[in-house]
C-alpha atoms as a PDB file:
ATOM      1  CA  MET A   1      59.135 -18.525  69.134  1.00  0.00           C
ATOM      2  CA  ASN A   2      58.486 -15.378  67.697  1.00  0.00           C
ATOM      3  CA  VAL A   3      55.933 -15.073  65.414  1.00  0.00           C
ATOM      4  CA  GLY A   4      55.850 -13.226  61.747  1.00  0.00           C
ATOM      5  CA  TYR A   5      54.011 -11.712  59.446  1.00  0.00           C
ATOM      6  CA  THR A   6      53.621 -12.670  55.950  1.00  0.00           C
ATOM      7  CA  LEU A   7      53.503 -10.212  53.110  1.00  0.00           C
ATOM      8  CA  MET A   8      51.747 -12.084  50.734  1.00  0.00           C
ATOM      9  CA  CYS A   9      52.916 -10.612  47.074  1.00  0.00           C
ATOM     10  CA  GLU A  10      50.456 -13.018  45.277  1.00  0.00           C
ATOM     11  CA  GLN A  11      46.838 -12.142  46.922  1.00  0.00           C
ATOM     12  CA  THR A  12      48.151  -7.618  47.979  1.00  0.00           C
ATOM     13  CA  ASP A  13      48.887  -4.776  45.324  1.00  0.00           C
ATOM     14  CA  PRO A  14      52.088  -3.696  46.610  1.00  0.00           C
ATOM     15  CA  ARG A  15      51.046  -0.457  47.852  1.00  0.00           C
ATOM     16  CA  ASP A  16      48.720  -2.421  49.979  1.00  0.00           C
ATOM     17  CA  LEU A  17      51.832  -4.430  51.294  1.00  0.00           C
ATOM     18  CA  VAL A  18      53.916  -1.260  52.164  1.00  0.00           C
ATOM     19  CA  ARG A  19      51.016  -0.090  54.241  1.00  0.00           C
ATOM     20  CA  GLN A  20      50.286  -3.511  55.933  1.00  0.00           C
ATOM     21  CA  ALA A  21      53.778  -3.724  56.881  1.00  0.00           C
ATOM     22  CA  ALA A  22      53.743  -0.190  58.952  1.00  0.00           C
ATOM     23  CA  ALA A  23      50.540  -1.765  60.189  1.00  0.00           C
ATOM     24  CA  ALA A  24      52.232  -5.409  61.439  1.00  0.00           C
ATOM     25  CA  GLU A  25      55.559  -3.648  63.516  1.00  0.00           C
ATOM     26  CA  GLN A  26      52.838  -1.418  65.166  1.00  0.00           C
ATOM     27  CA  ALA A  27      50.709  -4.433  66.251  1.00  0.00           C
ATOM     28  CA  GLY A  28      53.915  -6.211  67.700  1.00  0.00           C
ATOM     29  CA  PHE A  29      54.938  -8.668  64.944  1.00  0.00           C
ATOM     30  CA  PRO A  30      58.573  -8.721  64.933  1.00  0.00           C
ATOM     31  CA  LEU A  31      59.043 -10.102  62.016  1.00  0.00           C
ATOM     32  CA  ALA A  32      57.501 -10.092  57.799  1.00  0.00           C
ATOM     33  CA  VAL A  33      58.572 -11.958  54.910  1.00  0.00           C
ATOM     34  CA  ILE A  34      58.360 -12.011  51.772  1.00  0.00           C
ATOM     35  CA  SER A  35      56.750 -13.889  49.126  1.00  0.00           C
ATOM     36  CA  ASP A  36      58.687 -13.420  45.242  1.00  0.00           C
ATOM     37  CA  HIS A  37      56.528 -14.585  42.271  1.00  0.00           C
ATOM     38  CA  PHE A  38      55.902 -13.480  38.960  1.00  0.00           C
ATOM     39  CA  PHE A  39      52.880 -15.341  38.837  1.00  0.00           C
ATOM     40  CA  PRO A  40      49.744 -15.604  41.470  1.00  0.00           C
ATOM     41  CA  TRP A  41      49.343 -19.456  42.556  1.00  0.00           C
ATOM     42  CA  LEU A  42      45.768 -19.262  41.420  1.00  0.00           C
ATOM     43  CA  ASP A  43      44.162 -16.139  39.380  1.00  0.00           C
ATOM     44  CA  THR A  44      41.538 -15.747  42.070  1.00  0.00           C
ATOM     45  CA  GLN A  45      44.493 -14.335  43.868  1.00  0.00           C
ATOM     46  CA  GLY A  46      45.096 -11.595  41.163  1.00  0.00           C
ATOM     47  CA  HIS A  47      48.523  -9.810  42.532  1.00  0.00           C
ATOM     48  CA  SER A  48      52.298 -10.599  42.173  1.00  0.00           C
ATOM     49  CA  PRO A  49      53.896  -7.110  42.598  1.00  0.00           C
ATOM     50  CA  ASN A  50      57.791  -7.503  42.574  1.00  0.00           C
ATOM     51  CA  ALA A  51      59.362  -8.202  45.569  1.00  0.00           C
ATOM     52  CA  TRP A  52      62.542  -6.251  45.248  1.00  0.00           C
ATOM     53  CA  ALA A  53      61.176  -3.155  45.152  1.00  0.00           C
ATOM     54  CA  THR A  54      58.600  -3.483  47.749  1.00  0.00           C
ATOM     55  CA  LEU A  55      60.639  -4.114  50.032  1.00  0.00           C
ATOM     56  CA  GLY A  56      62.766  -1.167  49.137  1.00  0.00           C
ATOM     57  CA  ALA A  57      59.419   0.932  50.168  1.00  0.00           C
ATOM     58  CA  VAL A  58      59.142  -1.140  53.394  1.00  0.00           C
ATOM     59  CA  THR A  59      61.938  -0.500  54.610  1.00  0.00           C
ATOM     60  CA  GLN A  60      61.468   3.380  54.723  1.00  0.00           C
ATOM     61  CA  VAL A  61      57.773   3.241  56.674  1.00  0.00           C
ATOM     62  CA  THR A  62      59.132   0.665  59.136  1.00  0.00           C
ATOM     63  CA  GLU A  63      61.813   0.977  61.839  1.00  0.00           C
ATOM     64  CA  THR A  64      62.147  -2.113  64.401  1.00  0.00           C
ATOM     65  CA  LEU A  65      60.659  -4.945  62.044  1.00  0.00           C
ATOM     66  CA  GLU A  66      63.047  -7.650  60.517  1.00  0.00           C
ATOM     67  CA  LEU A  67      62.557  -8.172  57.140  1.00  0.00           C
ATOM     68  CA  MET A  68      63.340 -11.286  54.758  1.00  0.00           C
ATOM     69  CA  THR A  69      62.023 -13.459  51.471  1.00  0.00           C
ATOM     70  CA  TYR A  70      61.064 -16.030  51.829  1.00  0.00           C
ATOM     71  CA  VAL A  71      61.941 -16.909  49.294  1.00  0.00           C
ATOM     72  CA  THR A  72      63.998 -16.020  46.637  1.00  0.00           C
ATOM     73  CA  CYS A  73      64.902 -18.353  43.409  1.00  0.00           C
ATOM     74  CA  PRO A  74      68.769 -16.996  42.742  1.00  0.00           C
ATOM     75  CA  THR A  75      68.818 -19.412  39.941  1.00  0.00           C
ATOM     76  CA  GLY A  76      66.305 -18.323  37.322  1.00  0.00           C
ATOM     77  CA  ARG A  77      64.571 -14.653  36.594  1.00  0.00           C
ATOM     78  CA  TYR A  78      67.587 -13.462  39.247  1.00  0.00           C
ATOM     79  CA  HIS A  79      71.452 -14.034  38.316  1.00  0.00           C
ATOM     80  CA  PRO A  80      73.032 -14.941  41.763  1.00  0.00           C
ATOM     81  CA  ALA A  81      75.210 -11.867  40.940  1.00  0.00           C
ATOM     82  CA  VAL A  82      71.949  -9.751  40.614  1.00  0.00           C
ATOM     83  CA  VAL A  83      69.981 -11.240  43.961  1.00  0.00           C
ATOM     84  CA  ALA A  84      73.580 -10.679  46.385  1.00  0.00           C
ATOM     85  CA  GLN A  85      73.207  -6.573  44.938  1.00  0.00           C
ATOM     86  CA  GLN A  86      69.524  -6.557  45.716  1.00  0.00           C
ATOM     87  CA  ALA A  87      70.058  -7.997  48.713  1.00  0.00           C
ATOM     88  CA  ALA A  88      73.220  -6.089  50.396  1.00  0.00           C
ATOM     89  CA  THR A  89      71.088  -2.860  48.918  1.00  0.00           C
ATOM     90  CA  VAL A  90      67.933  -3.895  51.575  1.00  0.00           C
ATOM     91  CA  GLY A  91      70.109  -4.680  54.045  1.00  0.00           C
ATOM     92  CA  LEU A  92      71.140  -1.773  53.942  1.00  0.00           C
ATOM     93  CA  LEU A  93      67.940   0.543  53.654  1.00  0.00           C
ATOM     94  CA  SER A  94      66.694  -1.856  56.136  1.00  0.00           C
ATOM     95  CA  ASN A  95      69.667  -0.834  58.522  1.00  0.00           C
ATOM     96  CA  GLY A  96      70.391  -4.235  58.974  1.00  0.00           C
ATOM     97  CA  ARG A  97      67.191  -6.068  59.512  1.00  0.00           C
ATOM     98  CA  PHE A  98      67.166  -7.863  56.377  1.00  0.00           C
ATOM     99  CA  THR A  99      67.499 -11.478  55.808  1.00  0.00           C
ATOM    100  CA  LEU A 100      67.805 -13.046  52.311  1.00  0.00           C
ATOM    101  CA  GLY A 101      66.151 -16.918  52.363  1.00  0.00           C
ATOM    102  CA  LEU A 102      66.317 -18.481  48.974  1.00  0.00           C
ATOM    103  CA  GLY A 103      65.297 -21.415  47.679  1.00  0.00           C
ATOM    104  CA  SER A 104      64.925 -23.450  44.573  1.00  0.00           C
ATOM    105  CA  GLY A 105      62.337 -22.012  42.515  1.00  0.00           C
ATOM    106  CA  GLU A 106      59.253 -23.199  41.004  1.00  0.00           C
ATOM    107  CA  ASN A 107      58.648 -23.518  37.289  1.00  0.00           C
ATOM    108  CA  LEU A 108      55.639 -21.134  38.193  1.00  0.00           C
ATOM    109  CA  ASN A 109      58.130 -18.215  38.291  1.00  0.00           C
ATOM    110  CA  GLU A 110      61.521 -19.459  36.876  1.00  0.00           C
ATOM    111  CA  HIS A 111      59.682 -20.784  33.627  1.00  0.00           C
ATOM    112  CA  ILE A 112      59.404 -16.919  32.265  1.00  0.00           C
ATOM    113  CA  THR A 113      63.156 -16.353  30.865  1.00  0.00           C
ATOM    114  CA  ALA A 114      62.168 -19.746  28.489  1.00  0.00           C
ATOM    115  CA  ARG A 115      65.397 -21.519  29.966  1.00  0.00           C
ATOM    116  CA  GLY A 116      63.286 -24.551  30.842  1.00  0.00           C
ATOM    117  CA  TRP A 117      62.871 -25.782  33.801  1.00  0.00           C
ATOM    118  CA  PRO A 118      65.801 -28.560  34.702  1.00  0.00           C
ATOM    119  CA  PRO A 119      65.247 -31.768  36.986  1.00  0.00           C
ATOM    120  CA  VAL A 120      65.476 -31.163  40.590  1.00  0.00           C
ATOM    121  CA  ASN A 121      68.683 -32.254  40.976  1.00  0.00           C
ATOM    122  CA  ILE A 122      70.173 -30.229  38.473  1.00  0.00           C
ATOM    123  CA  ARG A 123      67.969 -27.512  40.396  1.00  0.00           C
ATOM    124  CA  HIS A 124      69.715 -28.181  43.814  1.00  0.00           C
ATOM    125  CA  GLU A 125      73.393 -27.887  42.016  1.00  0.00           C
ATOM    126  CA  MET A 126      71.903 -24.348  40.912  1.00  0.00           C
ATOM    127  CA  LEU A 127      70.904 -23.253  44.176  1.00  0.00           C
ATOM    128  CA  GLU A 128      75.077 -24.395  45.947  1.00  0.00           C
ATOM    129  CA  GLU A 129      76.285 -22.694  43.295  1.00  0.00           C
ATOM    130  CA  ALA A 130      74.414 -19.700  43.773  1.00  0.00           C
ATOM    131  CA  VAL A 131      74.837 -19.209  47.336  1.00  0.00           C
ATOM    132  CA  ASP A 132      78.382 -19.751  46.760  1.00  0.00           C
ATOM    133  CA  ILE A 133      79.009 -16.989  44.963  1.00  0.00           C
ATOM    134  CA  ILE A 134      75.736 -14.524  47.079  1.00  0.00           C
ATOM    135  CA  GLY A 135      78.381 -15.828  50.130  1.00  0.00           C
ATOM    136  CA  ALA A 136      81.511 -14.561  48.273  1.00  0.00           C
ATOM    137  CA  LEU A 137      79.837 -11.033  47.190  1.00  0.00           C
ATOM    138  CA  PHE A 138      79.227 -10.705  50.866  1.00  0.00           C
ATOM    139  CA  ASP A 139      82.727 -11.327  51.939  1.00  0.00           C
ATOM    140  CA  GLY A 140      83.337  -7.934  49.774  1.00  0.00           C
ATOM    141  CA  GLY A 141      86.055  -7.996  47.328  1.00  0.00           C
ATOM    142  CA  TYR A 142      86.676  -9.131  43.533  1.00  0.00           C
ATOM    143  CA  VAL A 143      84.643 -12.012  43.262  1.00  0.00           C
ATOM    144  CA  SER A 144      84.915 -14.591  40.285  1.00  0.00           C
ATOM    145  CA  TYR A 145      83.594 -17.756  39.547  1.00  0.00           C
ATOM    146  CA  SER A 146      83.138 -20.172  36.724  1.00  0.00           C
ATOM    147  CA  GLY A 147      80.828 -23.114  37.585  1.00  0.00           C
ATOM    148  CA  LYS A 148      78.833 -25.798  36.197  1.00  0.00           C
ATOM    149  CA  HIS A 149      76.364 -23.581  35.914  1.00  0.00           C
ATOM    150  CA  PHE A 150      76.733 -19.739  37.082  1.00  0.00           C
ATOM    151  CA  ARG A 151      79.900 -17.480  35.964  1.00  0.00           C
ATOM    152  CA  VAL A 152      81.134 -14.654  37.370  1.00  0.00           C
ATOM    153  CA  ASP A 153      83.271 -11.996  35.884  1.00  0.00           C
ATOM    154  CA  SER A 154      85.209  -9.650  37.894  1.00  0.00           C
ATOM    155  CA  ALA A 155      82.064  -8.407  39.956  1.00  0.00           C
ATOM    156  CA  LYS A 156      82.339  -6.441  43.095  1.00  0.00           C
ATOM    157  CA  LEU A 157      79.378  -5.291  45.806  1.00  0.00           C
ATOM    158  CA  TRP A 158      80.308  -1.741  46.683  1.00  0.00           C
ATOM    159  CA  ASP A 159      77.346  -0.774  49.279  1.00  0.00           C
ATOM    160  CA  LEU A 160      77.739  -3.823  51.560  1.00  0.00           C
ATOM    161  CA  PRO A 161      75.464  -3.014  55.303  1.00  0.00           C
ATOM    162  CA  GLU A 162      77.810  -2.908  57.990  1.00  0.00           C
ATOM    163  CA  ARG A 163      76.215  -6.364  59.296  1.00  0.00           C
ATOM    164  CA  ARG A 164      76.633  -9.566  56.814  1.00  0.00           C
ATOM    165  CA  VAL A 165      73.452 -10.230  55.351  1.00  0.00           C
ATOM    166  CA  PRO A 166      72.424 -13.679  56.827  1.00  0.00           C
ATOM    167  CA  ILE A 167      71.479 -16.652  54.547  1.00  0.00           C
ATOM    168  CA  GLY A 168      68.687 -18.873  54.749  1.00  0.00           C
ATOM    169  CA  VAL A 169      67.561 -21.962  52.512  1.00  0.00           C
ATOM    170  CA  ALA A 170      64.721 -23.704  52.066  1.00  0.00           C
ATOM    171  CA  VAL A 171      64.647 -27.487  52.338  1.00  0.00           C
ATOM    172  CA  GLY A 172      62.794 -30.347  51.814  1.00  0.00           C
ATOM    173  CA  GLY A 173      64.861 -33.420  52.873  1.00  0.00           C
ATOM    174  CA  PRO A 174      68.252 -34.688  54.628  1.00  0.00           C
ATOM    175  CA  GLN A 175      70.142 -33.854  51.628  1.00  0.00           C
ATOM    176  CA  SER A 176      69.215 -30.539  51.194  1.00  0.00           C
ATOM    177  CA  VAL A 177      69.988 -30.202  54.628  1.00  0.00           C
ATOM    178  CA  ARG A 178      73.271 -31.724  54.087  1.00  0.00           C
ATOM    179  CA  ALA A 179      74.680 -29.275  51.199  1.00  0.00           C
ATOM    180  CA  PHE A 180      72.944 -26.445  52.508  1.00  0.00           C
ATOM    181  CA  ALA A 181      73.472 -26.467  56.334  1.00  0.00           C
ATOM    182  CA  PRO A 182      77.297 -25.901  56.228  1.00  0.00           C
ATOM    183  CA  LYS A 183      76.760 -23.183  53.809  1.00  0.00           C
ATOM    184  CA  ALA A 184      74.376 -21.362  55.541  1.00  0.00           C
ATOM    185  CA  GLU A 185      72.931 -19.410  58.936  1.00  0.00           C
ATOM    186  CA  VAL A 186      69.474 -19.786  58.822  1.00  0.00           C
ATOM    187  CA  PHE A 187      67.134 -22.641  58.504  1.00  0.00           C
ATOM    188  CA  ILE A 188      63.943 -22.113  56.323  1.00  0.00           C
ATOM    189  CA  SER A 189      61.139 -25.003  55.434  1.00  0.00           C
ATOM    190  CA  THR A 190      56.961 -25.345  56.100  1.00  0.00           C
ATOM    191  CA  ASP A 191      57.385 -28.540  57.560  1.00  0.00           C
ATOM    192  CA  PRO A 192      58.022 -29.315  61.542  1.00  0.00           C
ATOM    193  CA  ASP A 193      60.488 -32.388  60.881  1.00  0.00           C
ATOM    194  CA  ALA A 194      62.419 -32.292  64.005  1.00  0.00           C
ATOM    195  CA  ALA A 195      64.362 -34.988  62.763  1.00  0.00           C
ATOM    196  CA  LEU A 196      65.450 -31.745  59.900  1.00  0.00           C
ATOM    197  CA  THR A 197      65.773 -29.404  62.167  1.00  0.00           C
ATOM    198  CA  ARG A 198      68.100 -31.447  64.377  1.00  0.00           C
ATOM    199  CA  GLN A 199      70.649 -32.145  61.974  1.00  0.00           C
ATOM    200  CA  TRP A 200      70.838 -29.214  60.973  1.00  0.00           C
ATOM    201  CA  ASP A 201      71.969 -28.257  64.307  1.00  0.00           C
ATOM    202  CA  GLU A 202      74.521 -31.307  64.079  1.00  0.00           C
ATOM    203  CA  LEU A 203      76.171 -29.898  60.334  1.00  0.00           C
ATOM    204  CA  SER A 204      75.620 -26.043  61.032  1.00  0.00           C
ATOM    205  CA  SER A 205      78.624 -24.278  62.170  1.00  0.00           C
ATOM    206  CA  VAL A 206      76.515 -21.823  63.896  1.00  0.00           C
ATOM    207  CA  PRO A 207      72.931 -20.957  66.074  1.00  0.00           C
ATOM    208  CA  ALA A 208      71.212 -22.046  63.402  1.00  0.00           C
ATOM    209  CA  ARG A 209      67.496 -19.659  63.122  1.00  0.00           C
ATOM    210  CA  LYS A 210      64.845 -21.668  62.056  1.00  0.00           C
ATOM    211  CA  VAL A 211      62.401 -20.112  60.177  1.00  0.00           C
ATOM    212  CA  GLY A 212      58.766 -21.746  59.267  1.00  0.00           C
ATOM    213  CA  GLN A 213      55.464 -20.536  57.541  1.00  0.00           C
ATOM    214  CA  LEU A 214      51.604 -21.210  58.638  1.00  0.00           C
ATOM    215  CA  PRO A 215      48.554 -20.301  56.629  1.00  0.00           C
ATOM    216  CA  ILE A 216      45.306 -19.511  58.613  1.00  0.00           C
ATOM    217  CA  SER A 217      42.512 -17.662  57.448  1.00  0.00           C
ATOM    218  CA  TRP A 218      40.990 -15.284  60.174  1.00  0.00           C
ATOM    219  CA  ASP A 219      37.129 -13.985  60.167  1.00  0.00           C
ATOM    220  CA  ALA A 220      34.321 -13.828  62.414  1.00  0.00           C
ATOM    221  CA  ASP A 221      32.290 -15.817  59.758  1.00  0.00           C
ATOM    222  CA  ARG A 222      33.990 -19.337  59.668  1.00  0.00           C
ATOM    223  CA  ASP A 223      32.048 -20.171  56.566  1.00  0.00           C
ATOM    224  CA  ALA A 224      33.581 -17.612  54.591  1.00  0.00           C
ATOM    225  CA  ALA A 225      36.838 -17.615  56.033  1.00  0.00           C
ATOM    226  CA  VAL A 226      36.646 -21.578  54.970  1.00  0.00           C
ATOM    227  CA  GLN A 227      35.251 -20.344  51.189  1.00  0.00           C
ATOM    228  CA  ARG A 228      38.202 -17.891  50.785  1.00  0.00           C
ATOM    229  CA  ALA A 229      40.615 -20.503  51.924  1.00  0.00           C
ATOM    230  CA  HIS A 230      39.543 -22.973  49.384  1.00  0.00           C
ATOM    231  CA  GLU A 231      39.403 -20.282  46.558  1.00  0.00           C
ATOM    232  CA  GLN A 232      43.103 -18.750  46.761  1.00  0.00           C
ATOM    233  CA  PHE A 233      44.799 -21.585  49.148  1.00  0.00           C
ATOM    234  CA  ARG A 234      43.289 -24.764  47.573  1.00  0.00           C
ATOM    235  CA  TRP A 235      46.778 -25.438  45.461  1.00  0.00           C
ATOM    236  CA  PHE A 236      48.761 -25.115  48.886  1.00  0.00           C
ATOM    237  CA  ALA A 237      47.072 -29.291  48.961  1.00  0.00           C
ATOM    238  CA  GLY A 238      49.672 -30.371  46.610  1.00  0.00           C
ATOM    239  CA  GLY A 239      52.950 -30.636  48.039  1.00  0.00           C
ATOM    240  CA  TRP A 240      56.187 -29.526  47.359  1.00  0.00           C
ATOM    241  CA  LYS A 241      56.599 -31.958  45.010  1.00  0.00           C
ATOM    242  CA  VAL A 242      54.110 -30.799  42.669  1.00  0.00           C
ATOM    243  CA  ASN A 243      53.867 -27.735  43.733  1.00  0.00           C
ATOM    244  CA  SER A 244      57.327 -26.526  41.838  1.00  0.00           C
ATOM    245  CA  GLU A 245      56.700 -28.589  39.004  1.00  0.00           C
ATOM    246  CA  LEU A 246      53.845 -26.879  37.397  1.00  0.00           C
ATOM    247  CA  PRO A 247      53.882 -24.010  34.697  1.00  0.00           C
ATOM    248  CA  SER A 248      50.833 -22.134  34.960  1.00  0.00           C
ATOM    249  CA  THR A 249      48.099 -20.927  37.332  1.00  0.00           C
ATOM    250  CA  ALA A 250      45.622 -23.113  34.777  1.00  0.00           C
ATOM    251  CA  GLY A 251      47.775 -26.150  35.505  1.00  0.00           C
ATOM    252  CA  PHE A 252      47.344 -25.417  39.748  1.00  0.00           C
ATOM    253  CA  ASP A 253      43.613 -25.201  39.165  1.00  0.00           C
ATOM    254  CA  ALA A 254      43.308 -28.077  37.104  1.00  0.00           C
ATOM    255  CA  ALA A 255      45.614 -29.753  39.544  1.00  0.00           C
ATOM    256  CA  SER A 256      43.165 -28.318  42.769  1.00  0.00           C
ATOM    257  CA  GLN A 257      39.815 -29.207  41.316  1.00  0.00           C
ATOM    258  CA  PHE A 258      38.518 -31.803  43.007  1.00  0.00           C
ATOM    259  CA  VAL A 259      40.039 -30.354  46.429  1.00  0.00           C
ATOM    260  CA  LYS A 260      37.105 -29.952  48.509  1.00  0.00           C
ATOM    261  CA  PRO A 261      36.392 -26.500  50.942  1.00  0.00           C
ATOM    262  CA  GLU A 262      36.087 -28.880  54.065  1.00  0.00           C
ATOM    263  CA  ASP A 263      39.399 -30.723  52.812  1.00  0.00           C
ATOM    264  CA  VAL A 264      40.964 -26.903  53.437  1.00  0.00           C
ATOM    265  CA  ALA A 265      39.229 -26.755  56.341  1.00  0.00           C
ATOM    266  CA  GLN A 266      41.193 -29.755  57.897  1.00  0.00           C
ATOM    267  CA  GLN A 267      44.215 -28.346  56.832  1.00  0.00           C
ATOM    268  CA  ILE A 268      44.075 -24.769  57.562  1.00  0.00           C
ATOM    269  CA  PRO A 269      42.694 -22.848  60.611  1.00  0.00           C
ATOM    270  CA  CYS A 270      39.363 -21.183  59.702  1.00  0.00           C
ATOM    271  CA  GLY A 271      37.498 -18.855  61.301  1.00  0.00           C
ATOM    272  CA  THR A 272      38.589 -17.154  64.943  1.00  0.00           C
ATOM    273  CA  ASP A 273      39.679 -20.115  67.240  1.00  0.00           C
ATOM    274  CA  VAL A 274      43.032 -19.021  68.523  1.00  0.00           C
ATOM    275  CA  GLU A 275      43.283 -22.542  70.160  1.00  0.00           C
ATOM    276  CA  ALA A 276      43.499 -23.998  66.351  1.00  0.00           C
ATOM    277  CA  ILE A 277      46.466 -21.682  65.522  1.00  0.00           C
ATOM    278  CA  VAL A 278      47.872 -22.090  68.483  1.00  0.00           C
ATOM    279  CA  LYS A 279      47.792 -26.317  68.185  1.00  0.00           C
ATOM    280  CA  ALA A 280      48.858 -26.000  64.888  1.00  0.00           C
ATOM    281  CA  LEU A 281      52.213 -23.537  65.882  1.00  0.00           C
ATOM    282  CA  THR A 282      53.110 -26.420  68.700  1.00  0.00           C
ATOM    283  CA  PRO A 283      54.392 -28.417  66.420  1.00  0.00           C
ATOM    284  CA  PHE A 284      56.910 -26.187  64.507  1.00  0.00           C
ATOM    285  CA  ALA A 285      58.047 -25.138  68.576  1.00  0.00           C
ATOM    286  CA  GLU A 286      58.653 -28.568  69.772  1.00  0.00           C
ATOM    287  CA  ALA A 287      60.832 -29.265  66.365  1.00  0.00           C
ATOM    288  CA  GLY A 288      63.057 -25.892  67.452  1.00  0.00           C
ATOM    289  CA  PHE A 289      61.794 -23.617  65.219  1.00  0.00           C
ATOM    290  CA  THR A 290      62.286 -19.870  66.373  1.00  0.00           C
ATOM    291  CA  ASP A 291      59.930 -17.992  64.351  1.00  0.00           C
ATOM    292  CA  VAL A 292      57.286 -18.730  61.998  1.00  0.00           C
ATOM    293  CA  ALA A 293      54.901 -16.294  59.634  1.00  0.00           C
ATOM    294  CA  LEU A 294      51.740 -16.511  59.547  1.00  0.00           C
ATOM    295  CA  ILE A 295      49.730 -16.171  55.842  1.00  0.00           C
ATOM    296  CA  GLN A 296      46.326 -14.429  56.713  1.00  0.00           C
ATOM    297  CA  ILE A 297      44.611 -16.020  52.977  1.00  0.00           C
ATOM    298  CA  GLY A 298      43.140 -12.843  51.791  1.00  0.00           C
ATOM    299  CA  GLY A 299      44.470  -9.366  50.649  1.00  0.00           C
ATOM    300  CA  ASP A 300      41.002  -7.959  51.960  1.00  0.00           C
ATOM    301  CA  ARG A 301      41.096  -9.380  54.796  1.00  0.00           C
ATOM    302  CA  GLN A 302      44.474  -7.606  56.573  1.00  0.00           C
ATOM    303  CA  LYS A 303      43.216  -4.962  58.141  1.00  0.00           C
ATOM    304  CA  SER A 304      40.926  -6.692  60.596  1.00  0.00           C
ATOM    305  CA  TYR A 305      43.361  -9.493  61.034  1.00  0.00           C
ATOM    306  CA  ILE A 306      46.103  -7.215  61.951  1.00  0.00           C
ATOM    307  CA  GLU A 307      44.065  -5.835  64.781  1.00  0.00           C
ATOM    308  CA  ALA A 308      43.242  -9.380  65.996  1.00  0.00           C
ATOM    309  CA  ALA A 309      46.568 -10.567  66.371  1.00  0.00           C
ATOM    310  CA  GLU A 310      47.402  -7.363  69.005  1.00  0.00           C
ATOM    311  CA  GLN A 311      44.686  -7.887  70.757  1.00  0.00           C
ATOM    312  CA  GLU A 312      44.004 -11.556  70.471  1.00  0.00           C
ATOM    313  CA  ILE A 313      46.610 -14.073  68.509  1.00  0.00           C
ATOM    314  CA  LEU A 314      49.369 -13.000  69.481  1.00  0.00           C
ATOM    315  CA  PRO A 315      49.077 -12.832  73.434  1.00  0.00           C
ATOM    316  CA  ALA A 316      47.600 -15.904  73.133  1.00  0.00           C
ATOM    317  CA  ILE A 317      50.223 -17.354  71.490  1.00  0.00           C
ATOM    318  CA  ARG A 318      53.009 -15.930  73.377  1.00  0.00           C
ATOM    319  CA  GLU A 319      51.107 -16.653  76.293  1.00  0.00           C
ATOM    320  CA  LYS A 320      51.236 -20.637  75.296  1.00  0.00           C
ATOM    321  CA  LEU A 321      53.806 -21.035  73.438  1.00  0.00           C
ATOM    322  CA  GLY A 322      56.502 -18.603  74.797  1.00  0.00           C
END
C-alpha cells in the first residue's frame, strides 16, 4: 500500500502548496492528492486557493510524483466539459502523472453559483452524466450530449495526453458502487469498507486502484497536536451525510461546537506515535486499498511533518504494511 501526501487547499496558501509538493516528492511520497474547494471547512483553516491553477504549478516543480484531485465536483461550479479540459491539460503538463478524482460535491462549495443544492439522488444522477461526458471527451473527437441535467454541443479536446487520464469516483455505498464501478478505473473512499471494495472489483472491468485518505496531527507536543486538530478538523466528526449538506463555515462551526478535543483525538492520530498511524492505516490495507493519502493538519506544520515522514513515518509504514 502506497502512502500519499495531501495538498490541503483549505489550510494552505497556494505558493506553499507548490513548495510542499516538491518537498513531498523529495521525501519519498509517491502520490499527492489535492482538495478542490471554494471554502475552507472552518474559518480557522483560513485558505482555499484554486486547485487547478495550483496543480499546473505543481507539475512544473515535480518529476515523478503522481497527482490526483481528491476530489473535484463536475456538476456545480464546473461544467463536466470544463473539468475534462482541465484534467487533460494537467495530464499533459504532468507527462501522464495525473488521475482525475470526481465526487458529487458539498453544498459548502457548490452553492456559490446560486443554482440551488439538489437532493442526493439528483446529485448522483448528475455525476453519472458528468462521468459519461468526461469519458467521451477523453476518447477524442467531437462530443454532443443531451441528458437530463447536462447538454454538450460539439465539444472536442484538442490537447489530450498520450496516456488517457484515469477517472476515479468517490463512493459511499452499494448504490454508488453499482453506478460507477463500470465507468471508472479508480475507487475512492475515506471509509475502509471491505464489502464496498469487493463489490467494486466484481463490477469493474479493469483491476481497480483504491485510494483512501486519513487525517493525522503530527507534533512533538501531543497536546498542541490535539488542540490543532480540534481547532481545524473537528468538522470531520460530522460524517459525510452531514458534511455534504451544510452551506457555510458558520454551519460547520455550529454543527461541531460540542465536539471536544478528546473526541477528535479518538478519531485522529495525534502526536508522534507512528504505531497509532499504522494502526489507523491497517483497516485500509485489509480492505484492499492500494493508496492512502495522509493529511497533516495545520498548514504551518508541513515542513517538520515531511521531514518526519521521510525519516520515521514512511519507513515504519512500509515495514508494517508493505
